[in-house]
PDB file of N, CA and C in Angstrom:
ATOM      1  N   MET A   1       0.839  -1.159   0.000  1.00  0.00           N
ATOM      2  CA  MET A   1       0.000   0.000   0.000  1.00  0.00           C
ATOM      3  C   MET A   1       0.890   1.231   0.000  1.00  0.00           C
ATOM      4  N   ASN A   2       0.633   2.121  -0.935  1.00  0.00           N
ATOM      5  CA  ASN A   2       1.430   3.316  -1.104  1.00  0.00           C
ATOM      6  C   ASN A   2       0.672   4.508  -0.520  1.00  0.00           C
ATOM      7  N   TRP A   3       1.278   5.208   0.475  1.00  0.00           N
ATOM      8  CA  TRP A   3       0.625   6.357   1.119  1.00  0.00           C
ATOM      9  C   TRP A   3       0.918   7.664   0.401  1.00  0.00           C
ATOM     10  N   LEU A   4       1.870   7.684  -0.451  1.00  0.00           N
ATOM     11  CA  LEU A   4       2.198   8.895  -1.179  1.00  0.00           C
ATOM     12  C   LEU A   4       1.252   9.063  -2.358  1.00  0.00           C
ATOM     13  N   PRO A   5       0.922  10.317  -2.698  1.00  0.00           N
ATOM     14  CA  PRO A   5      -0.002  10.523  -3.826  1.00  0.00           C
ATOM     15  C   PRO A   5       0.659  10.160  -5.155  1.00  0.00           C
ATOM     16  N   ASN A   6      -0.121   9.577  -6.031  1.00  0.00           N
ATOM     17  CA  ASN A   6       0.373   9.221  -7.358  1.00  0.00           C
ATOM     18  C   ASN A   6       0.272  10.406  -8.301  1.00  0.00           C
ATOM     19  N   ASP A   7      -0.696  11.279  -8.071  1.00  0.00           N
ATOM     20  CA  ASP A   7      -0.924  12.421  -8.942  1.00  0.00           C
ATOM     21  C   ASP A   7      -0.549  13.684  -8.172  1.00  0.00           C
ATOM     22  N   LEU A   8       0.645  14.238  -8.392  1.00  0.00           N
ATOM     23  CA  LEU A   8       1.150  15.394  -7.645  1.00  0.00           C
ATOM     24  C   LEU A   8       0.297  16.645  -7.835  1.00  0.00           C
ATOM     25  N   PRO A   9      -0.161  17.006  -9.037  1.00  0.00           N
ATOM     26  CA  PRO A   9      -1.005  18.201  -9.174  1.00  0.00           C
ATOM     27  C   PRO A   9      -2.307  18.107  -8.372  1.00  0.00           C
ATOM     28  N   SER A  10      -2.944  16.963  -8.334  1.00  0.00           N
ATOM     29  CA  SER A  10      -4.173  16.806  -7.553  1.00  0.00           C
ATOM     30  C   SER A  10      -3.876  16.962  -6.067  1.00  0.00           C
ATOM     31  N   PHE A  11      -2.752  16.415  -5.637  1.00  0.00           N
ATOM     32  CA  PHE A  11      -2.354  16.544  -4.236  1.00  0.00           C
ATOM     33  C   PHE A  11      -2.123  18.012  -3.874  1.00  0.00           C
ATOM     34  N   LEU A  12      -1.414  18.756  -4.716  1.00  0.00           N
ATOM     35  CA  LEU A  12      -1.141  20.171  -4.457  1.00  0.00           C
ATOM     36  C   LEU A  12      -2.433  21.004  -4.453  1.00  0.00           C
ATOM     37  N   TRP A  13      -3.335  20.711  -5.376  1.00  0.00           N
ATOM     38  CA  TRP A  13      -4.630  21.410  -5.381  1.00  0.00           C
ATOM     39  C   TRP A  13      -5.414  21.094  -4.100  1.00  0.00           C
ATOM     40  N   GLY A  14      -5.372  19.902  -3.659  1.00  0.00           N
ATOM     41  CA  GLY A  14      -6.055  19.535  -2.408  1.00  0.00           C
ATOM     42  C   GLY A  14      -5.473  20.269  -1.213  1.00  0.00           C
ATOM     43  N   MET A  15      -4.132  20.352  -1.173  1.00  0.00           N
ATOM     44  CA  MET A  15      -3.481  21.089  -0.087  1.00  0.00           C
ATOM     45  C   MET A  15      -3.837  22.575  -0.155  1.00  0.00           C
ATOM     46  N   LEU A  16      -3.882  23.147  -1.349  1.00  0.00           N
ATOM     47  CA  LEU A  16      -4.226  24.556  -1.529  1.00  0.00           C
ATOM     48  C   LEU A  16      -5.666  24.827  -1.092  1.00  0.00           C
ATOM     49  N   VAL A  17      -6.572  23.949  -1.458  1.00  0.00           N
ATOM     50  CA  VAL A  17      -7.979  24.102  -1.045  1.00  0.00           C
ATOM     51  C   VAL A  17      -8.104  23.971   0.473  1.00  0.00           C
ATOM     52  N   ALA A  18      -7.379  23.043   1.080  1.00  0.00           N
ATOM     53  CA  ALA A  18      -7.424  22.875   2.535  1.00  0.00           C
ATOM     54  C   ALA A  18      -6.858  24.110   3.235  1.00  0.00           C
ATOM     55  N   LEU A  19      -5.758  24.659   2.720  1.00  0.00           N
ATOM     56  CA  LEU A  19      -5.166  25.860   3.297  1.00  0.00           C
ATOM     57  C   LEU A  19      -6.118  27.046   3.168  1.00  0.00           C
ATOM     58  N   ALA A  20      -6.728  27.193   1.999  1.00  0.00           N
ATOM     59  CA  ALA A  20      -7.701  28.272   1.802  1.00  0.00           C
ATOM     60  C   ALA A  20      -8.886  28.101   2.749  1.00  0.00           C
ATOM     61  N   GLY A  21      -9.311  26.883   2.984  1.00  0.00           N
ATOM     62  CA  GLY A  21     -10.410  26.622   3.922  1.00  0.00           C
ATOM     63  C   GLY A  21     -10.038  26.994   5.345  1.00  0.00           C
ATOM     64  N   LEU A  22      -8.809  26.680   5.754  1.00  0.00           N
ATOM     65  CA  LEU A  22      -8.356  27.056   7.100  1.00  0.00           C
ATOM     66  C   LEU A  22      -8.308  28.568   7.265  1.00  0.00           C
ATOM     67  N   ILE A  23      -7.759  29.267   6.274  1.00  0.00           N
ATOM     68  CA  ILE A  23      -7.677  30.731   6.341  1.00  0.00           C
ATOM     69  C   ILE A  23      -9.077  31.332   6.345  1.00  0.00           C
ATOM     70  N   ALA A  24      -9.943  30.856   5.464  1.00  0.00           N
ATOM     71  CA  ALA A  24     -11.303  31.396   5.385  1.00  0.00           C
ATOM     72  C   ALA A  24     -12.073  31.139   6.676  1.00  0.00           C
ATOM     73  N   SER A  25     -11.904  29.966   7.282  1.00  0.00           N
ATOM     74  CA  SER A  25     -12.648  29.686   8.513  1.00  0.00           C
ATOM     75  C   SER A  25     -12.178  30.594   9.650  1.00  0.00           C
ATOM     76  N   GLY A  26     -10.870  30.861   9.733  1.00  0.00           N
ATOM     77  CA  GLY A  26     -10.370  31.791  10.750  1.00  0.00           C
ATOM     78  C   GLY A  26     -10.881  33.197  10.511  1.00  0.00           C
ATOM     79  N   PHE A  27     -10.887  33.618   9.247  1.00  0.00           N
ATOM     80  CA  PHE A  27     -11.390  34.951   8.906  1.00  0.00           C
ATOM     81  C   PHE A  27     -12.875  35.064   9.212  1.00  0.00           C
ATOM     82  N   LEU A  28     -13.639  34.057   8.820  1.00  0.00           N
ATOM     83  CA  LEU A  28     -15.089  34.102   9.062  1.00  0.00           C
ATOM     84  C   LEU A  28     -15.415  34.059  10.546  1.00  0.00           C
ATOM     85  N   LYS A  29     -14.599  33.375  11.321  1.00  0.00           N
ATOM     86  CA  LYS A  29     -14.821  33.330  12.763  1.00  0.00           C
ATOM     87  C   LYS A  29     -14.663  34.728  13.361  1.00  0.00           C
ATOM     88  N   GLU A  30     -13.585  35.420  12.995  1.00  0.00           N
ATOM     89  CA  GLU A  30     -13.356  36.779  13.491  1.00  0.00           C
ATOM     90  C   GLU A  30     -14.413  37.741  12.961  1.00  0.00           C
ATOM     91  N   ALA A  31     -14.787  37.606  11.696  1.00  0.00           N
ATOM     92  CA  ALA A  31     -15.823  38.465  11.127  1.00  0.00           C
ATOM     93  C   ALA A  31     -17.155  38.225  11.826  1.00  0.00           C
ATOM     94  N   GLY A  32     -17.427  36.991  12.201  1.00  0.00           N
ATOM     95  CA  GLY A  32     -18.657  36.690  12.933  1.00  0.00           C
ATOM     96  C   GLY A  32     -18.680  37.342  14.303  1.00  0.00           C
ATOM     97  N   LYS A  33     -17.527  37.378  14.977  1.00  0.00           N
ATOM     98  CA  LYS A  33     -17.458  38.053  16.278  1.00  0.00           C
ATOM     99  C   LYS A  33     -17.755  39.539  16.120  1.00  0.00           C
ATOM    100  N   ASP A  34     -17.119  40.161  15.113  1.00  0.00           N
ATOM    101  CA  ASP A  34     -17.352  41.588  14.874  1.00  0.00           C
ATOM    102  C   ASP A  34     -18.807  41.846  14.498  1.00  0.00           C
ATOM    103  N   PHE A  35     -19.369  40.977  13.689  1.00  0.00           N
ATOM    104  CA  PHE A  35     -20.770  41.134  13.301  1.00  0.00           C
ATOM    105  C   PHE A  35     -21.680  41.017  14.517  1.00  0.00           C
ATOM    106  N   TRP A  36     -21.398  40.088  15.410  1.00  0.00           N
ATOM    107  CA  TRP A  36     -22.228  39.921  16.601  1.00  0.00           C
ATOM    108  C   TRP A  36     -22.153  41.157  17.492  1.00  0.00           C
ATOM    109  N   VAL A  37     -20.956  41.719  17.646  1.00  0.00           N
ATOM    110  CA  VAL A  37     -20.822  42.933  18.454  1.00  0.00           C
ATOM    111  C   VAL A  37     -21.639  44.062  17.835  1.00  0.00           C
ATOM    112  N   HIS A  38     -21.551  44.233  16.541  1.00  0.00           N
ATOM    113  CA  HIS A  38     -22.308  45.268  15.840  1.00  0.00           C
ATOM    114  C   HIS A  38     -23.809  45.019  15.955  1.00  0.00           C
ATOM    115  N   LEU A  39     -24.233  43.777  15.766  1.00  0.00           N
ATOM    116  CA  LEU A  39     -25.650  43.438  15.846  1.00  0.00           C
ATOM    117  C   LEU A  39     -26.187  43.641  17.257  1.00  0.00           C
ATOM    118  N   LYS A  40     -25.393  43.298  18.259  1.00  0.00           N
ATOM    119  CA  LYS A  40     -25.817  43.469  19.647  1.00  0.00           C
ATOM    120  C   LYS A  40     -25.998  44.951  19.979  1.00  0.00           C
ATOM    121  N   LYS A  41     -25.114  45.803  19.450  1.00  0.00           N
ATOM    122  CA  LYS A  41     -25.269  47.244  19.675  1.00  0.00           C
ATOM    123  C   LYS A  41     -26.538  47.768  19.024  1.00  0.00           C
ATOM    124  N   LYS A  42     -26.893  47.225  17.874  1.00  0.00           N
ATOM    125  CA  LYS A  42     -28.105  47.663  17.182  1.00  0.00           C
ATOM    126  C   LYS A  42     -29.362  47.158  17.885  1.00  0.00           C
ATOM    127  N   LEU A  43     -29.355  45.891  18.325  1.00  0.00           N
ATOM    128  CA  LEU A  43     -30.539  45.316  18.957  1.00  0.00           C
ATOM    129  C   LEU A  43     -30.713  45.773  20.402  1.00  0.00           C
ATOM    130  N   PHE A  44     -29.620  45.920  21.130  1.00  0.00           N
ATOM    131  CA  PHE A  44     -29.670  46.301  22.539  1.00  0.00           C
ATOM    132  C   PHE A  44     -28.780  47.522  22.767  1.00  0.00           C
ATOM    133  N   PRO A  45     -29.236  48.704  22.345  1.00  0.00           N
ATOM    134  CA  PRO A  45     -28.379  49.886  22.503  1.00  0.00           C
ATOM    135  C   PRO A  45     -28.172  50.211  23.979  1.00  0.00           C
ATOM    136  N   PRO A  46     -27.010  50.759  24.323  1.00  0.00           N
ATOM    137  CA  PRO A  46     -26.773  51.113  25.723  1.00  0.00           C
ATOM    138  C   PRO A  46     -27.702  52.253  26.138  1.00  0.00           C
ATOM    139  N   PRO A  47     -28.064  52.312  27.402  1.00  0.00           N
ATOM    140  CA  PRO A  47     -28.960  53.391  27.828  1.00  0.00           C
ATOM    141  C   PRO A  47     -28.257  54.739  27.712  1.00  0.00           C
ATOM    142  N   PRO A  48     -29.030  55.790  27.442  1.00  0.00           N
ATOM    143  CA  PRO A  48     -28.395  57.104  27.328  1.00  0.00           C
ATOM    144  C   PRO A  48     -27.854  57.543  28.683  1.00  0.00           C
ATOM    145  N   PRO A  49     -26.798  58.332  28.674  1.00  0.00           N
ATOM    146  CA  PRO A  49     -26.254  58.794  29.958  1.00  0.00           C
ATOM    147  C   PRO A  49     -27.254  59.730  30.641  1.00  0.00           C
ATOM    148  N   PRO A  50     -27.251  59.753  31.957  1.00  0.00           N
ATOM    149  CA  PRO A  50     -28.175  60.651  32.649  1.00  0.00           C
ATOM    150  C   PRO A  50     -27.794  62.097  32.375  1.00  0.00           C
ATOM    151  N   PRO A  51     -28.770  63.001  32.424  1.00  0.00           N
ATOM    152  CA  PRO A  51     -28.442  64.409  32.181  1.00  0.00           C
ATOM    153  C   PRO A  51     -27.519  64.945  33.269  1.00  0.00           C
ATOM    154  N   GLU A  52     -26.720  65.918  32.892  1.00  0.00           N
ATOM    155  CA  GLU A  52     -25.775  66.493  33.839  1.00  0.00           C
ATOM    156  C   GLU A  52     -26.504  67.346  34.873  1.00  0.00           C
ATOM    157  N   ASP A  53     -25.945  67.379  36.078  1.00  0.00           N
ATOM    158  CA  ASP A  53     -26.502  68.211  37.136  1.00  0.00           C
ATOM    159  C   ASP A  53     -26.321  69.684  36.766  1.00  0.00           C
ATOM    160  N   VAL A  54     -27.260  70.519  37.255  1.00  0.00           N
ATOM    161  CA  VAL A  54     -27.219  71.937  36.951  1.00  0.00           C
ATOM    162  C   VAL A  54     -27.038  72.715  38.252  1.00  0.00           C
ATOM    163  N   GLN A  55     -26.022  73.546  38.276  1.00  0.00           N
ATOM    164  CA  GLN A  55     -25.759  74.397  39.432  1.00  0.00           C
ATOM    165  C   GLN A  55     -26.695  75.605  39.348  1.00  0.00           C
ATOM    166  N   VAL A  56     -27.509  75.814  40.367  1.00  0.00           N
ATOM    167  CA  VAL A  56     -28.438  76.948  40.399  1.00  0.00           C
ATOM    168  C   VAL A  56     -28.036  77.886  41.529  1.00  0.00           C
ATOM    169  N   ASP A  57     -28.519  79.119  41.457  1.00  0.00           N
ATOM    170  CA  ASP A  57     -28.171  80.067  42.513  1.00  0.00           C
ATOM    171  C   ASP A  57     -29.150  79.941  43.686  1.00  0.00           C
ATOM    172  N   LEU A  58     -28.886  80.679  44.721  1.00  0.00           N
ATOM    173  CA  LEU A  58     -29.692  80.576  45.949  1.00  0.00           C
ATOM    174  C   LEU A  58     -31.108  81.075  45.755  1.00  0.00           C
ATOM    175  N   ARG A  59     -31.358  81.885  44.735  1.00  0.00           N
ATOM    176  CA  ARG A  59     -32.698  82.449  44.505  1.00  0.00           C
ATOM    177  C   ARG A  59     -33.539  81.587  43.559  1.00  0.00           C
ATOM    178  N   PHE A  60     -33.071  80.408  43.194  1.00  0.00           N
ATOM    179  CA  PHE A  60     -33.809  79.555  42.251  1.00  0.00           C
ATOM    180  C   PHE A  60     -35.146  79.142  42.858  1.00  0.00           C
ATOM    181  N   GLU A  61     -36.220  79.365  42.107  1.00  0.00           N
ATOM    182  CA  GLU A  61     -37.569  78.996  42.548  1.00  0.00           C
ATOM    183  C   GLU A  61     -38.110  77.891  41.638  1.00  0.00           C
ATOM    184  N   PRO A  62     -38.618  76.803  42.206  1.00  0.00           N
ATOM    185  CA  PRO A  62     -39.198  75.742  41.376  1.00  0.00           C
ATOM    186  C   PRO A  62     -40.499  76.203  40.740  1.00  0.00           C
ATOM    187  N   THR A  63     -40.692  75.853  39.477  1.00  0.00           N
ATOM    188  CA  THR A  63     -41.914  76.237  38.765  1.00  0.00           C
ATOM    189  C   THR A  63     -42.723  75.031  38.301  1.00  0.00           C
ATOM    190  N   MET A  64     -42.119  73.853  38.209  1.00  0.00           N
ATOM    191  CA  MET A  64     -42.841  72.667  37.743  1.00  0.00           C
ATOM    192  C   MET A  64     -43.750  72.091  38.822  1.00  0.00           C
ATOM    193  N   TYR A  65     -43.370  72.273  40.070  1.00  0.00           N
ATOM    194  CA  TYR A  65     -44.154  71.798  41.206  1.00  0.00           C
ATOM    195  C   TYR A  65     -44.428  72.990  42.110  1.00  0.00           C
ATOM    196  N   LYS A  66     -45.393  72.847  42.966  1.00  0.00           N
ATOM    197  CA  LYS A  66     -45.661  73.903  43.935  1.00  0.00           C
ATOM    198  C   LYS A  66     -44.438  74.059  44.835  1.00  0.00           C
ATOM    199  N   PRO A  67     -44.042  75.278  45.143  1.00  0.00           N
ATOM    200  CA  PRO A  67     -42.850  75.469  45.982  1.00  0.00           C
ATOM    201  C   PRO A  67     -42.953  74.769  47.335  1.00  0.00           C
ATOM    202  N   ARG A  68     -44.156  74.644  47.883  1.00  0.00           N
ATOM    203  CA  ARG A  68     -44.288  73.986  49.194  1.00  0.00           C
ATOM    204  C   ARG A  68     -44.071  72.471  49.102  1.00  0.00           C
ATOM    205  N   ASP A  69     -44.114  71.919  47.878  1.00  0.00           N
ATOM    206  CA  ASP A  69     -43.893  70.484  47.691  1.00  0.00           C
ATOM    207  C   ASP A  69     -42.428  70.145  47.431  1.00  0.00           C
ATOM    208  N   CYS A  70     -41.564  71.147  47.452  1.00  0.00           N
ATOM    209  CA  CYS A  70     -40.140  70.946  47.185  1.00  0.00           C
ATOM    210  C   CYS A  70     -39.322  71.296  48.426  1.00  0.00           C
ATOM    211  N   LEU A  71     -38.147  70.690  48.522  1.00  0.00           N
ATOM    212  CA  LEU A  71     -37.247  71.025  49.620  1.00  0.00           C
ATOM    213  C   LEU A  71     -35.812  70.840  49.164  1.00  0.00           C
ATOM    214  N   TRP A  72     -34.910  71.576  49.807  1.00  0.00           N
ATOM    215  CA  TRP A  72     -33.482  71.445  49.539  1.00  0.00           C
ATOM    216  C   TRP A  72     -32.920  70.451  50.543  1.00  0.00           C
ATOM    217  N   ALA A  73     -32.350  69.368  50.049  1.00  0.00           N
ATOM    218  CA  ALA A  73     -31.805  68.316  50.909  1.00  0.00           C
ATOM    219  C   ALA A  73     -30.285  68.339  50.827  1.00  0.00           C
ATOM    220  N   ARG A  74     -29.659  68.341  51.981  1.00  0.00           N
ATOM    221  CA  ARG A  74     -28.196  68.299  52.028  1.00  0.00           C
ATOM    222  C   ARG A  74     -27.716  66.984  51.421  1.00  0.00           C
ATOM    223  N   HIS A  75     -26.519  66.982  50.874  1.00  0.00           N
ATOM    224  CA  HIS A  75     -26.015  65.801  50.152  1.00  0.00           C
ATOM    225  C   HIS A  75     -25.953  64.558  51.034  1.00  0.00           C
ATOM    226  N   GLU A  76     -25.731  64.702  52.333  1.00  0.00           N
ATOM    227  CA  GLU A  76     -25.657  63.520  53.185  1.00  0.00           C
ATOM    228  C   GLU A  76     -27.042  62.956  53.519  1.00  0.00           C
ATOM    229  N   SER A  77     -28.115  63.728  53.254  1.00  0.00           N
ATOM    230  CA  SER A  77     -29.475  63.281  53.556  1.00  0.00           C
ATOM    231  C   SER A  77     -30.227  62.771  52.333  1.00  0.00           C
ATOM    232  N   VAL A  78     -29.616  62.854  51.156  1.00  0.00           N
ATOM    233  CA  VAL A  78     -30.316  62.509  49.918  1.00  0.00           C
ATOM    234  C   VAL A  78     -30.788  61.060  49.919  1.00  0.00           C
ATOM    235  N   SER A  79     -29.955  60.127  50.344  1.00  0.00           N
ATOM    236  CA  SER A  79     -30.359  58.712  50.310  1.00  0.00           C
ATOM    237  C   SER A  79     -31.529  58.449  51.250  1.00  0.00           C
ATOM    238  N   ARG A  80     -31.581  59.129  52.383  1.00  0.00           N
ATOM    239  CA  ARG A  80     -32.708  58.957  53.309  1.00  0.00           C
ATOM    240  C   ARG A  80     -34.001  59.475  52.672  1.00  0.00           C
ATOM    241  N   TYR A  81     -33.920  60.634  52.028  1.00  0.00           N
ATOM    242  CA  TYR A  81     -35.107  61.173  51.366  1.00  0.00           C
ATOM    243  C   TYR A  81     -35.554  60.283  50.206  1.00  0.00           C
ATOM    244  N   GLN A  82     -34.609  59.747  49.463  1.00  0.00           N
ATOM    245  CA  GLN A  82     -34.975  58.844  48.370  1.00  0.00           C
ATOM    246  C   GLN A  82     -35.672  57.596  48.913  1.00  0.00           C
ATOM    247  N   ALA A  83     -35.230  57.086  50.040  1.00  0.00           N
ATOM    248  CA  ALA A  83     -35.875  55.923  50.651  1.00  0.00           C
ATOM    249  C   ALA A  83     -37.299  56.257  51.081  1.00  0.00           C
ATOM    250  N   GLU A  84     -37.556  57.518  51.412  1.00  0.00           N
ATOM    251  CA  GLU A  84     -38.907  57.941  51.793  1.00  0.00           C
ATOM    252  C   GLU A  84     -39.786  58.238  50.591  1.00  0.00           C
ATOM    253  N   GLY A  85     -39.225  58.182  49.378  1.00  0.00           N
ATOM    254  CA  GLY A  85     -40.021  58.372  48.174  1.00  0.00           C
ATOM    255  C   GLY A  85     -39.825  59.706  47.484  1.00  0.00           C
ATOM    256  N   TYR A  86     -38.970  60.552  48.014  1.00  0.00           N
ATOM    257  CA  TYR A  86     -38.697  61.824  47.365  1.00  0.00           C
ATOM    258  C   TYR A  86     -37.951  61.580  46.053  1.00  0.00           C
ATOM    259  N   THR A  87     -38.149  62.481  45.098  1.00  0.00           N
ATOM    260  CA  THR A  87     -37.448  62.411  43.819  1.00  0.00           C
ATOM    261  C   THR A  87     -36.723  63.729  43.585  1.00  0.00           C
ATOM    262  N   PHE A  88     -35.777  63.707  42.648  1.00  0.00           N
ATOM    263  CA  PHE A  88     -35.042  64.917  42.326  1.00  0.00           C
ATOM    264  C   PHE A  88     -35.889  65.817  41.441  1.00  0.00           C
ATOM    265  N   TYR A  89     -35.819  67.097  41.693  1.00  0.00           N
ATOM    266  CA  TYR A  89     -36.501  68.081  40.867  1.00  0.00           C
ATOM    267  C   TYR A  89     -35.726  68.213  39.555  1.00  0.00           C
ATOM    268  N   PRO A  90     -36.389  68.024  38.404  1.00  0.00           N
ATOM    269  CA  PRO A  90     -35.671  68.129  37.124  1.00  0.00           C
ATOM    270  C   PRO A  90     -35.505  69.593  36.706  1.00  0.00           C
ATOM    271  N   HIS A  91     -34.298  69.957  36.350  1.00  0.00           N
ATOM    272  CA  HIS A  91     -34.058  71.324  35.899  1.00  0.00           C
ATOM    273  C   HIS A  91     -34.761  71.539  34.568  1.00  0.00           C
ATOM    274  N   PRO A  92     -35.396  72.702  34.372  1.00  0.00           N
ATOM    275  CA  PRO A  92     -36.145  72.946  33.127  1.00  0.00           C
ATOM    276  C   PRO A  92     -35.297  72.887  31.851  1.00  0.00           C
ATOM    277  N   SER A  93     -34.002  73.163  31.929  1.00  0.00           N
ATOM    278  CA  SER A  93     -33.207  73.214  30.695  1.00  0.00           C
ATOM    279  C   SER A  93     -32.854  71.826  30.156  1.00  0.00           C
ATOM    280  N   ASN A  94     -32.457  70.887  31.030  1.00  0.00           N
ATOM    281  CA  ASN A  94     -32.026  69.583  30.520  1.00  0.00           C
ATOM    282  C   ASN A  94     -32.546  68.392  31.313  1.00  0.00           C
ATOM    283  N   GLY A  95     -33.300  68.612  32.358  1.00  0.00           N
ATOM    284  CA  GLY A  95     -33.832  67.509  33.159  1.00  0.00           C
ATOM    285  C   GLY A  95     -32.872  66.977  34.195  1.00  0.00           C
ATOM    286  N   GLY A  96     -31.709  67.606  34.346  1.00  0.00           N
ATOM    287  CA  GLY A  96     -30.737  67.169  35.349  1.00  0.00           C
ATOM    288  C   GLY A  96     -31.143  67.619  36.748  1.00  0.00           C
ATOM    289  N   ARG A  97     -30.431  67.115  37.733  1.00  0.00           N
ATOM    290  CA  ARG A  97     -30.727  67.484  39.119  1.00  0.00           C
ATOM    291  C   ARG A  97     -30.296  68.920  39.375  1.00  0.00           C
ATOM    292  N   CYS A  98     -31.067  69.640  40.186  1.00  0.00           N
ATOM    293  CA  CYS A  98     -30.733  71.008  40.569  1.00  0.00           C
ATOM    294  C   CYS A  98     -29.871  70.959  41.824  1.00  0.00           C
ATOM    295  N   ILE A  99     -28.717  71.610  41.763  1.00  0.00           N
ATOM    296  CA  ILE A  99     -27.782  71.614  42.884  1.00  0.00           C
ATOM    297  C   ILE A  99     -27.439  73.055  43.218  1.00  0.00           C
ATOM    298  N   ARG A 100     -27.321  73.338  44.501  1.00  0.00           N
ATOM    299  CA  ARG A 100     -26.790  74.632  44.913  1.00  0.00           C
ATOM    300  C   ARG A 100     -25.732  74.376  45.976  1.00  0.00           C
ATOM    301  N   GLY A 101     -24.751  75.253  46.006  1.00  0.00           N
ATOM    302  CA  GLY A 101     -23.650  75.095  46.942  1.00  0.00           C
ATOM    303  C   GLY A 101     -22.562  74.212  46.375  1.00  0.00           C
ATOM    304  N   TYR A 102     -21.464  74.130  47.121  1.00  0.00           N
ATOM    305  CA  TYR A 102     -20.305  73.349  46.677  1.00  0.00           C
ATOM    306  C   TYR A 102     -19.780  72.504  47.825  1.00  0.00           C
ATOM    307  N   GLY A 103     -19.180  71.389  47.493  1.00  0.00           N
ATOM    308  CA  GLY A 103     -18.508  70.542  48.483  1.00  0.00           C
ATOM    309  C   GLY A 103     -19.453  70.057  49.567  1.00  0.00           C
ATOM    310  N   ARG A 104     -19.076  70.309  50.817  1.00  0.00           N
ATOM    311  CA  ARG A 104     -19.876  69.835  51.946  1.00  0.00           C
ATOM    312  C   ARG A 104     -21.168  70.615  52.112  1.00  0.00           C
ATOM    313  N   GLU A 105     -21.266  71.775  51.499  1.00  0.00           N
ATOM    314  CA  GLU A 105     -22.468  72.608  51.597  1.00  0.00           C
ATOM    315  C   GLU A 105     -23.443  72.353  50.446  1.00  0.00           C
ATOM    316  N   GLN A 106     -23.228  71.309  49.683  1.00  0.00           N
ATOM    317  CA  GLN A 106     -24.039  71.029  48.511  1.00  0.00           C
ATOM    318  C   GLN A 106     -25.420  70.514  48.906  1.00  0.00           C
ATOM    319  N   SER A 107     -26.459  71.038  48.239  1.00  0.00           N
ATOM    320  CA  SER A 107     -27.842  70.615  48.479  1.00  0.00           C
ATOM    321  C   SER A 107     -28.505  70.315  47.140  1.00  0.00           C
ATOM    322  N   TYR A 108     -29.460  69.370  47.175  1.00  0.00           N
ATOM    323  CA  TYR A 108     -30.218  68.984  45.991  1.00  0.00           C
ATOM    324  C   TYR A 108     -31.675  69.372  46.187  1.00  0.00           C
ATOM    325  N   LEU A 109     -32.303  69.865  45.126  1.00  0.00           N
ATOM    326  CA  LEU A 109     -33.720  70.193  45.188  1.00  0.00           C
ATOM    327  C   LEU A 109     -34.509  68.907  44.954  1.00  0.00           C
ATOM    328  N   MET A 110     -35.369  68.578  45.930  1.00  0.00           N
ATOM    329  CA  MET A 110     -36.139  67.334  45.849  1.00  0.00           C
ATOM    330  C   MET A 110     -37.624  67.630  45.963  1.00  0.00           C
ATOM    331  N   VAL A 111     -38.436  66.693  45.456  1.00  0.00           N
ATOM    332  CA  VAL A 111     -39.884  66.828  45.432  1.00  0.00           C
ATOM    333  C   VAL A 111     -40.481  65.765  46.318  1.00  0.00           C
ATOM    334  N   LYS A 112     -41.514  66.139  47.074  1.00  0.00           N
ATOM    335  CA  LYS A 112     -42.187  65.206  47.972  1.00  0.00           C
ATOM    336  C   LYS A 112     -42.780  64.049  47.164  1.00  0.00           C
ATOM    337  N   PRO A 113     -43.007  62.913  47.825  1.00  0.00           N
ATOM    338  CA  PRO A 113     -43.581  61.749  47.112  1.00  0.00           C
ATOM    339  C   PRO A 113     -45.003  62.029  46.612  1.00  0.00           C
ATOM    340  N   ASN A 114     -45.320  61.451  45.462  1.00  0.00           N
ATOM    341  CA  ASN A 114     -46.662  61.465  44.881  1.00  0.00           C
ATOM    342  C   ASN A 114     -47.174  62.849  44.540  1.00  0.00           C
ATOM    343  N   GLU A 115     -46.304  63.796  44.293  1.00  0.00           N
ATOM    344  CA  GLU A 115     -46.740  65.126  43.879  1.00  0.00           C
ATOM    345  C   GLU A 115     -46.826  65.165  42.372  1.00  0.00           C
ATOM    346  N   VAL A 116     -47.774  65.931  41.842  1.00  0.00           N
ATOM    347  CA  VAL A 116     -47.970  66.044  40.403  1.00  0.00           C
ATOM    348  C   VAL A 116     -47.456  67.402  39.934  1.00  0.00           C
ATOM    349  N   ARG A 117     -47.054  67.443  38.683  1.00  0.00           N
ATOM    350  CA  ARG A 117     -46.546  68.684  38.125  1.00  0.00           C
ATOM    351  C   ARG A 117     -47.670  69.687  37.974  1.00  0.00           C
ATOM    352  N   GLY A 118     -47.287  70.926  37.988  1.00  0.00           N
ATOM    353  CA  GLY A 118     -48.244  72.008  37.801  1.00  0.00           C
ATOM    354  C   GLY A 118     -48.644  72.634  39.111  1.00  0.00           C
ATOM    355  N   GLN A 119     -49.309  73.775  39.014  1.00  0.00           N
ATOM    356  CA  GLN A 119     -49.716  74.476  40.229  1.00  0.00           C
ATOM    357  C   GLN A 119     -51.165  74.488  40.324  1.00  0.00           C
TER     358      GLN A 119
END
């Protein structure tokens, strides 16, 4: 039994086709990964970033809610107010949180729970 090919051109063509198949399969594998990443971005887009906070001055008056339904909460008390159901007052320009003060004196404008917009 002879293991060597009798027809050298057929053997070389077979090797060339096998090599092309190996290269193509590696290329298609990588292209499939890139396609999946692209498809995943299209099907499941990342959520938009939250709006940036807006620094307001001390005379800022809320207009979307009644002023008596809003309060300025110090930064260390925000989580407690959120647990009680308070929400952040959205700034009219971009919907971000209203902040006044800097550093340790920073306060956020918050709205009481279950309040509706308008006066």
